[in-house]
Amino acid sequence: MRRPDPIVRPGTPPPVPGRTTSRILFSLLTLAVLLFALITWQVAVHGPLARADERLSDVTVHPSRGWALLADLGGIVVAVPVLLVVLVYVGLRARRAGTERWWREPLGAVVLMAAVPAIVVPMKELIARPGPPVMGPGTGFYPSGHTATAVVAYGSATLLLLPWLHRTYARRLVLIGCLALNAAVAVGLVVRGFHWPLDVVASWCLCGALLIPLRLFARRPAP
């Protein structure tokens, strides 16, 4: 049965999908920032959330080479080349389509990727969180740099690639691939004992928030 069209009263503008999407994205941005602030505060003061995080890590750690390979998917030598390949592809497609300032979206993704170490490294120094026991002495484990690299590299590649994919199955495959890669990195880091779970969750929140402006910045190609 066909749903009836929404009733638009005189003098009332019809709903604008773009505005609805922007409100949703802004809400997600706010939530991500608040969660990141909460986790950072708990880690900094070694509050109840941080202590529970450490107990969870004691249960989940299983230091073996296989888990380390999953964690390596978030390394610069793996994630960044994937992003660069996608940026070149998207840039060429946009240029051939005659898109004005075709380089804008790829450049935005490059700037975002370059911002990751500029944000994460000072935070590591400021929080100075020790790592799980299997990592030995040392600090600088919060937030997770591998997680941040994976989220921004694979996330940016997905956001810029999706508008150029016209088949539903291709779009779903790319989206699932992005989620699977980030999940694999997180599991590898936590189970191998490279990071506490909250190190990973915090990077998800931080870099998820960074991706939202890129989503708003990206243009959809003309059909």
C-alpha atoms as a PDB file:
ATOM      1  CA  MET A   1       0.000   0.000   0.000  1.00  0.00           C
ATOM      2  CA  ARG A   2       1.322   3.421  -0.973  1.00  0.00           C
ATOM      3  CA  ARG A   3       1.831   5.730   1.963  1.00  0.00           C
ATOM      4  CA  PRO A   4      -0.023   9.032   1.774  1.00  0.00           C
ATOM      5  CA  ASP A   5       2.037  12.084   1.023  1.00  0.00           C
ATOM      6  CA  PRO A   6       2.852  14.213   4.060  1.00  0.00           C
ATOM      7  CA  ILE A   7       0.445  17.061   4.683  1.00  0.00           C
ATOM      8  CA  VAL A   8       2.040  20.441   4.128  1.00  0.00           C
ATOM      9  CA  ARG A   9       0.035  23.291   5.573  1.00  0.00           C
ATOM     10  CA  PRO A  10      -0.029  26.647   3.839  1.00  0.00           C
ATOM     11  CA  GLY A  11       2.929  28.785   4.760  1.00  0.00           C
ATOM     12  CA  THR A  12       4.915  25.799   6.060  1.00  0.00           C
ATOM     13  CA  PRO A  13       7.995  24.848   4.035  1.00  0.00           C
ATOM     14  CA  PRO A  14       8.281  21.145   3.135  1.00  0.00           C
ATOM     15  CA  PRO A  15      10.811  19.052   5.042  1.00  0.00           C
ATOM     16  CA  VAL A  16      14.357  19.295   3.673  1.00  0.00           C
ATOM     17  CA  PRO A  17      16.290  15.992   3.764  1.00  0.00           C
ATOM     18  CA  GLY A  18      19.627  17.771   3.845  1.00  0.00           C
ATOM     19  CA  ARG A  19      18.726  19.623   7.019  1.00  0.00           C
ATOM     20  CA  THR A  20      17.605  16.397   8.685  1.00  0.00           C
ATOM     21  CA  THR A  21      20.901  14.713   7.786  1.00  0.00           C
ATOM     22  CA  SER A  22      22.863  17.670   9.118  1.00  0.00           C
ATOM     23  CA  ARG A  23      20.973  17.565  12.419  1.00  0.00           C
ATOM     24  CA  ILE A  24      21.653  13.840  12.787  1.00  0.00           C
ATOM     25  CA  LEU A  25      25.337  14.314  12.028  1.00  0.00           C
ATOM     26  CA  PHE A  26      25.585  17.200  14.477  1.00  0.00           C
ATOM     27  CA  SER A  27      23.947  15.057  17.160  1.00  0.00           C
ATOM     28  CA  LEU A  28      26.430  12.256  16.479  1.00  0.00           C
ATOM     29  CA  LEU A  29      29.286  14.753  16.598  1.00  0.00           C
ATOM     30  CA  THR A  30      28.113  16.070  19.962  1.00  0.00           C
ATOM     31  CA  LEU A  31      27.718  12.549  21.359  1.00  0.00           C
ATOM     32  CA  ALA A  32      31.182  11.496  20.158  1.00  0.00           C
ATOM     33  CA  VAL A  33      32.836  14.572  21.689  1.00  0.00           C
ATOM     34  CA  LEU A  34      31.041  14.089  25.017  1.00  0.00           C
ATOM     35  CA  LEU A  35      31.989  10.407  25.186  1.00  0.00           C
ATOM     36  CA  PHE A  36      35.587  11.219  24.354  1.00  0.00           C
ATOM     37  CA  ALA A  37      35.669  13.886  27.079  1.00  0.00           C
ATOM     38  CA  LEU A  38      34.170  11.454  29.626  1.00  0.00           C
ATOM     39  CA  ILE A  39      36.637   8.673  28.795  1.00  0.00           C
ATOM     40  CA  THR A  40      39.597  11.062  28.834  1.00  0.00           C
ATOM     41  CA  TRP A  41      38.589  12.397  32.234  1.00  0.00           C
ATOM     42  CA  GLN A  42      38.208   8.884  33.663  1.00  0.00           C
ATOM     43  CA  VAL A  43      41.568   7.771  32.300  1.00  0.00           C
ATOM     44  CA  ALA A  44      43.321  10.925  33.516  1.00  0.00           C
ATOM     45  CA  VAL A  45      42.055  10.537  37.098  1.00  0.00           C
ATOM     46  CA  HIS A  46      42.095   6.726  37.010  1.00  0.00           C
ATOM     47  CA  GLY A  47      38.412   6.667  37.831  1.00  0.00           C
ATOM     48  CA  PRO A  48      36.010   3.716  38.090  1.00  0.00           C
ATOM     49  CA  LEU A  49      35.628   3.461  34.308  1.00  0.00           C
ATOM     50  CA  ALA A  50      39.389   3.225  33.832  1.00  0.00           C
ATOM     51  CA  ARG A  51      39.733   0.600  36.564  1.00  0.00           C
ATOM     52  CA  ALA A  52      36.956  -1.490  35.023  1.00  0.00           C
ATOM     53  CA  ASP A  53      38.713  -1.107  31.683  1.00  0.00           C
ATOM     54  CA  GLU A  54      41.907  -2.563  33.118  1.00  0.00           C
ATOM     55  CA  ARG A  55      40.059  -5.513  34.663  1.00  0.00           C
ATOM     56  CA  LEU A  56      38.435  -6.233  31.300  1.00  0.00           C
ATOM     57  CA  SER A  57      41.814  -6.131  29.596  1.00  0.00           C
ATOM     58  CA  ASP A  58      43.206  -8.696  32.048  1.00  0.00           C
ATOM     59  CA  VAL A  59      40.501 -11.112  30.869  1.00  0.00           C
ATOM     60  CA  THR A  60      40.779 -10.498  27.130  1.00  0.00           C
ATOM     61  CA  VAL A  61      44.557 -10.344  26.553  1.00  0.00           C
ATOM     62  CA  HIS A  62      46.019 -13.261  24.610  1.00  0.00           C
ATOM     63  CA  PRO A  63      49.422 -12.188  23.239  1.00  0.00           C
ATOM     64  CA  SER A  64      49.953 -14.122  20.015  1.00  0.00           C
ATOM     65  CA  ARG A  65      51.267 -13.182  16.574  1.00  0.00           C
ATOM     66  CA  GLY A  66      47.907 -13.643  14.874  1.00  0.00           C
ATOM     67  CA  TRP A  67      46.284 -10.837  16.840  1.00  0.00           C
ATOM     68  CA  ALA A  68      49.267  -8.595  16.129  1.00  0.00           C
ATOM     69  CA  LEU A  69      48.671  -9.044  12.385  1.00  0.00           C
ATOM     70  CA  LEU A  70      45.147  -7.714  12.805  1.00  0.00           C
ATOM     71  CA  ALA A  71      46.486  -4.733  14.745  1.00  0.00           C
ATOM     72  CA  ASP A  72      48.939  -4.033  11.914  1.00  0.00           C
ATOM     73  CA  LEU A  73      45.986  -3.214   9.630  1.00  0.00           C
ATOM     74  CA  GLY A  74      45.846   0.096  11.503  1.00  0.00           C
ATOM     75  CA  GLY A  75      49.474   0.917  10.824  1.00  0.00           C
ATOM     76  CA  ILE A  76      50.513   3.792   8.582  1.00  0.00           C
ATOM     77  CA  VAL A  77      52.211   1.471   6.089  1.00  0.00           C
ATOM     78  CA  VAL A  78      48.913  -0.363   5.465  1.00  0.00           C
ATOM     79  CA  ALA A  79      46.061   2.088   6.028  1.00  0.00           C
ATOM     80  CA  VAL A  80      47.515   5.231   4.440  1.00  0.00           C
ATOM     81  CA  PRO A  81      48.375   3.601   1.056  1.00  0.00           C
ATOM     82  CA  VAL A  82      44.788   2.306   0.868  1.00  0.00           C
ATOM     83  CA  LEU A  83      43.532   5.847   1.417  1.00  0.00           C
ATOM     84  CA  LEU A  84      45.902   7.275  -1.209  1.00  0.00           C
ATOM     85  CA  VAL A  85      44.744   4.764  -3.835  1.00  0.00           C
ATOM     86  CA  VAL A  86      41.117   5.717  -3.204  1.00  0.00           C
ATOM     87  CA  LEU A  87      41.913   9.444  -3.291  1.00  0.00           C
ATOM     88  CA  VAL A  88      43.657   9.112  -6.644  1.00  0.00           C
ATOM     89  CA  TYR A  89      40.717   7.128  -8.034  1.00  0.00           C
ATOM     90  CA  VAL A  90      38.099   9.577  -6.733  1.00  0.00           C
ATOM     91  CA  GLY A  91      40.122  12.571  -7.934  1.00  0.00           C
ATOM     92  CA  LEU A  92      40.459  11.138 -11.444  1.00  0.00           C
ATOM     93  CA  ARG A  93      36.766  10.267 -11.602  1.00  0.00           C
ATOM     94  CA  ALA A  94      35.800  13.765 -10.495  1.00  0.00           C
ATOM     95  CA  ARG A  95      38.183  15.405 -12.957  1.00  0.00           C
ATOM     96  CA  ARG A  96      36.921  13.327 -15.877  1.00  0.00           C
ATOM     97  CA  ALA A  97      33.357  14.183 -14.898  1.00  0.00           C
ATOM     98  CA  GLY A  98      34.242  17.871 -15.147  1.00  0.00           C
ATOM     99  CA  THR A  99      33.674  18.533 -11.454  1.00  0.00           C
ATOM    100  CA  GLU A 100      34.668  22.027 -10.447  1.00  0.00           C
ATOM    101  CA  ARG A 101      37.547  21.965  -7.955  1.00  0.00           C
ATOM    102  CA  TRP A 102      37.722  18.164  -8.278  1.00  0.00           C
ATOM    103  CA  TRP A 103      40.649  18.114  -5.880  1.00  0.00           C
ATOM    104  CA  ARG A 104      38.682  19.542  -2.949  1.00  0.00           C
ATOM    105  CA  GLU A 105      37.500  16.287  -1.345  1.00  0.00           C
ATOM    106  CA  PRO A 106      40.821  14.417  -1.747  1.00  0.00           C
ATOM    107  CA  LEU A 107      42.666  17.387  -0.275  1.00  0.00           C
ATOM    108  CA  GLY A 108      40.252  17.497   2.659  1.00  0.00           C
ATOM    109  CA  ALA A 109      40.933  13.818   3.382  1.00  0.00           C
ATOM    110  CA  VAL A 110      44.698  14.389   3.207  1.00  0.00           C
ATOM    111  CA  VAL A 111      44.451  17.288   5.667  1.00  0.00           C
ATOM    112  CA  LEU A 112      42.330  15.169   7.998  1.00  0.00           C
ATOM    113  CA  MET A 113      44.832  12.304   7.859  1.00  0.00           C
ATOM    114  CA  ALA A 114      47.701  14.694   8.589  1.00  0.00           C
ATOM    115  CA  ALA A 115      45.776  16.064  11.577  1.00  0.00           C
ATOM    116  CA  VAL A 116      45.673  12.655  13.291  1.00  0.00           C
ATOM    117  CA  PRO A 117      49.255  12.633  14.642  1.00  0.00           C
ATOM    118  CA  ALA A 118      49.014  16.354  15.397  1.00  0.00           C
ATOM    119  CA  ILE A 119      46.115  15.587  17.758  1.00  0.00           C
ATOM    120  CA  VAL A 120      46.936  12.113  19.045  1.00  0.00           C
ATOM    121  CA  VAL A 121      50.646  12.518  19.851  1.00  0.00           C
ATOM    122  CA  PRO A 122      50.234  15.525  22.207  1.00  0.00           C
ATOM    123  CA  MET A 123      47.367  13.740  23.949  1.00  0.00           C
ATOM    124  CA  LYS A 124      49.549  10.688  24.501  1.00  0.00           C
ATOM    125  CA  GLU A 125      52.148  12.910  26.135  1.00  0.00           C
ATOM    126  CA  LEU A 126      49.568  14.788  28.203  1.00  0.00           C
ATOM    127  CA  ILE A 127      47.652  11.775  29.544  1.00  0.00           C
ATOM    128  CA  ALA A 128      50.763   9.547  29.810  1.00  0.00           C
ATOM    129  CA  ARG A 129      48.737   6.396  30.412  1.00  0.00           C
ATOM    130  CA  PRO A 130      50.754   3.222  31.040  1.00  0.00           C
ATOM    131  CA  GLY A 131      50.053   0.278  28.776  1.00  0.00           C
ATOM    132  CA  PRO A 132      48.820  -3.227  29.645  1.00  0.00           C
ATOM    133  CA  PRO A 133      51.290  -5.335  31.650  1.00  0.00           C
ATOM    134  CA  VAL A 134      52.417  -7.303  28.580  1.00  0.00           C
ATOM    135  CA  MET A 135      53.781  -4.060  27.121  1.00  0.00           C
ATOM    136  CA  GLY A 136      56.166  -3.493  30.018  1.00  0.00           C
ATOM    137  CA  PRO A 137      57.067  -0.061  31.434  1.00  0.00           C
ATOM    138  CA  GLY A 138      56.325   3.086  29.495  1.00  0.00           C
ATOM    139  CA  THR A 139      53.491   5.523  28.881  1.00  0.00           C
ATOM    140  CA  GLY A 140      51.728   7.126  25.953  1.00  0.00           C
ATOM    141  CA  PHE A 141      49.056   4.519  25.232  1.00  0.00           C
ATOM    142  CA  TYR A 142      46.024   6.829  25.284  1.00  0.00           C
ATOM    143  CA  PRO A 143      44.456   7.285  22.804  1.00  0.00           C
ATOM    144  CA  SER A 144      45.329   4.508  20.349  1.00  0.00           C
ATOM    145  CA  GLY A 145      47.253   5.803  17.337  1.00  0.00           C
ATOM    146  CA  HIS A 146      46.646   2.653  15.279  1.00  0.00           C
ATOM    147  CA  THR A 147      42.912   2.942  15.878  1.00  0.00           C
ATOM    148  CA  ALA A 148      42.922   6.613  14.937  1.00  0.00           C
ATOM    149  CA  THR A 149      44.858   5.906  11.743  1.00  0.00           C
ATOM    150  CA  ALA A 150      42.478   3.109  10.771  1.00  0.00           C
ATOM    151  CA  VAL A 151      39.313   5.105  11.467  1.00  0.00           C
ATOM    152  CA  VAL A 152      40.432   8.159   9.502  1.00  0.00           C
ATOM    153  CA  ALA A 153      42.118   6.314   6.619  1.00  0.00           C
ATOM    154  CA  TYR A 154      39.439   3.687   5.984  1.00  0.00           C
ATOM    155  CA  GLY A 155      36.619   6.014   6.992  1.00  0.00           C
ATOM    156  CA  SER A 156      37.741   8.845   4.688  1.00  0.00           C
ATOM    157  CA  ALA A 157      38.254   6.410   1.829  1.00  0.00           C
ATOM    158  CA  THR A 158      34.732   5.061   2.324  1.00  0.00           C
ATOM    159  CA  LEU A 159      33.072   8.478   2.576  1.00  0.00           C
ATOM    160  CA  LEU A 160      34.704   9.697  -0.635  1.00  0.00           C
ATOM    161  CA  LEU A 161      34.224   6.457  -2.556  1.00  0.00           C
ATOM    162  CA  LEU A 162      30.562   5.757  -1.771  1.00  0.00           C
ATOM    163  CA  PRO A 163      29.080   8.606  -3.869  1.00  0.00           C
ATOM    164  CA  TRP A 164      30.801   7.193  -6.976  1.00  0.00           C
ATOM    165  CA  LEU A 165      29.363   3.718  -6.528  1.00  0.00           C
ATOM    166  CA  HIS A 166      25.947   3.395  -8.131  1.00  0.00           C
ATOM    167  CA  ARG A 167      25.209  -0.259  -7.353  1.00  0.00           C
ATOM    168  CA  THR A 168      23.761  -0.976  -3.942  1.00  0.00           C
ATOM    169  CA  TYR A 169      25.769  -4.154  -3.422  1.00  0.00           C
ATOM    170  CA  ALA A 170      29.029  -2.300  -4.148  1.00  0.00           C
ATOM    171  CA  ARG A 171      28.193   0.408  -1.630  1.00  0.00           C
ATOM    172  CA  ARG A 172      27.289  -2.167   0.996  1.00  0.00           C
ATOM    173  CA  LEU A 173      30.472  -4.120   0.318  1.00  0.00           C
ATOM    174  CA  VAL A 174      32.649  -1.033   0.788  1.00  0.00           C
ATOM    175  CA  LEU A 175      30.833  -0.019   3.967  1.00  0.00           C
ATOM    176  CA  ILE A 176      31.057  -3.518   5.434  1.00  0.00           C
ATOM    177  CA  GLY A 177      34.730  -3.672   4.492  1.00  0.00           C
ATOM    178  CA  CYS A 178      35.416  -0.401   6.320  1.00  0.00           C
ATOM    179  CA  LEU A 179      33.628  -1.584   9.459  1.00  0.00           C
ATOM    180  CA  ALA A 180      35.320  -4.989   9.322  1.00  0.00           C
ATOM    181  CA  LEU A 181      38.802  -3.482   9.003  1.00  0.00           C
ATOM    182  CA  ASN A 182      38.261  -1.153  11.941  1.00  0.00           C
ATOM    183  CA  ALA A 183      36.807  -3.952  14.041  1.00  0.00           C
ATOM    184  CA  ALA A 184      39.776  -6.189  13.182  1.00  0.00           C
ATOM    185  CA  VAL A 185      42.244  -3.492  14.227  1.00  0.00           C
ATOM    186  CA  ALA A 186      40.412  -2.953  17.520  1.00  0.00           C
ATOM    187  CA  VAL A 187      40.274  -6.650  18.345  1.00  0.00           C
ATOM    188  CA  GLY A 188      43.927  -7.122  17.442  1.00  0.00           C
ATOM    189  CA  LEU A 189      45.075  -4.231  19.605  1.00  0.00           C
ATOM    190  CA  VAL A 190      43.048  -5.239  22.654  1.00  0.00           C
ATOM    191  CA  VAL A 191      43.496  -9.020  22.548  1.00  0.00           C
ATOM    192  CA  ARG A 192      47.212  -8.800  21.739  1.00  0.00           C
ATOM    193  CA  GLY A 193      47.576  -6.422  24.685  1.00  0.00           C
ATOM    194  CA  PHE A 194      48.898  -3.432  22.765  1.00  0.00           C
ATOM    195  CA  HIS A 195      46.167  -1.187  24.226  1.00  0.00           C
ATOM    196  CA  TRP A 196      43.504  -1.041  26.893  1.00  0.00           C
ATOM    197  CA  PRO A 197      39.942  -1.225  25.475  1.00  0.00           C
ATOM    198  CA  LEU A 198      39.218   2.418  26.362  1.00  0.00           C
ATOM    199  CA  ASP A 199      42.259   3.536  24.353  1.00  0.00           C
ATOM    200  CA  VAL A 200      40.514   2.116  21.308  1.00  0.00           C
ATOM    201  CA  VAL A 201      37.022   3.378  22.142  1.00  0.00           C
ATOM    202  CA  ALA A 202      38.367   6.883  22.741  1.00  0.00           C
ATOM    203  CA  SER A 203      40.020   6.924  19.314  1.00  0.00           C
ATOM    204  CA  TRP A 204      36.760   5.764  17.747  1.00  0.00           C
ATOM    205  CA  CYS A 205      34.970   8.709  19.358  1.00  0.00           C
ATOM    206  CA  LEU A 206      37.682  11.238  18.529  1.00  0.00           C
ATOM    207  CA  CYS A 207      38.177  10.247  14.901  1.00  0.00           C
ATOM    208  CA  GLY A 208      34.514   9.534  14.314  1.00  0.00           C
ATOM    209  CA  ALA A 209      33.942  13.163  15.262  1.00  0.00           C
ATOM    210  CA  LEU A 210      36.677  14.226  12.820  1.00  0.00           C
ATOM    211  CA  LEU A 211      35.033  12.316   9.973  1.00  0.00           C
ATOM    212  CA  ILE A 212      31.688  14.075  10.351  1.00  0.00           C
ATOM    213  CA  PRO A 213      32.930  17.443   8.969  1.00  0.00           C
ATOM    214  CA  LEU A 214      34.427  15.540   6.022  1.00  0.00           C
ATOM    215  CA  ARG A 215      31.026  13.951   5.388  1.00  0.00           C
ATOM    216  CA  LEU A 216      29.413  17.397   5.385  1.00  0.00           C
ATOM    217  CA  PHE A 217      32.218  18.772   3.217  1.00  0.00           C
ATOM    218  CA  ALA A 218      31.990  16.064   0.544  1.00  0.00           C
ATOM    219  CA  ARG A 219      29.836  16.721  -2.522  1.00  0.00           C
ATOM    220  CA  ARG A 220      27.749  14.121  -4.310  1.00  0.00           C
ATOM    221  CA  PRO A 221      28.714  13.742  -7.994  1.00  0.00           C
ATOM    222  CA  ALA A 222      26.164  14.636 -10.602  1.00  0.00           C
ATOM    223  CA  PRO A 223      24.217  11.583 -11.865  1.00  0.00           C
END
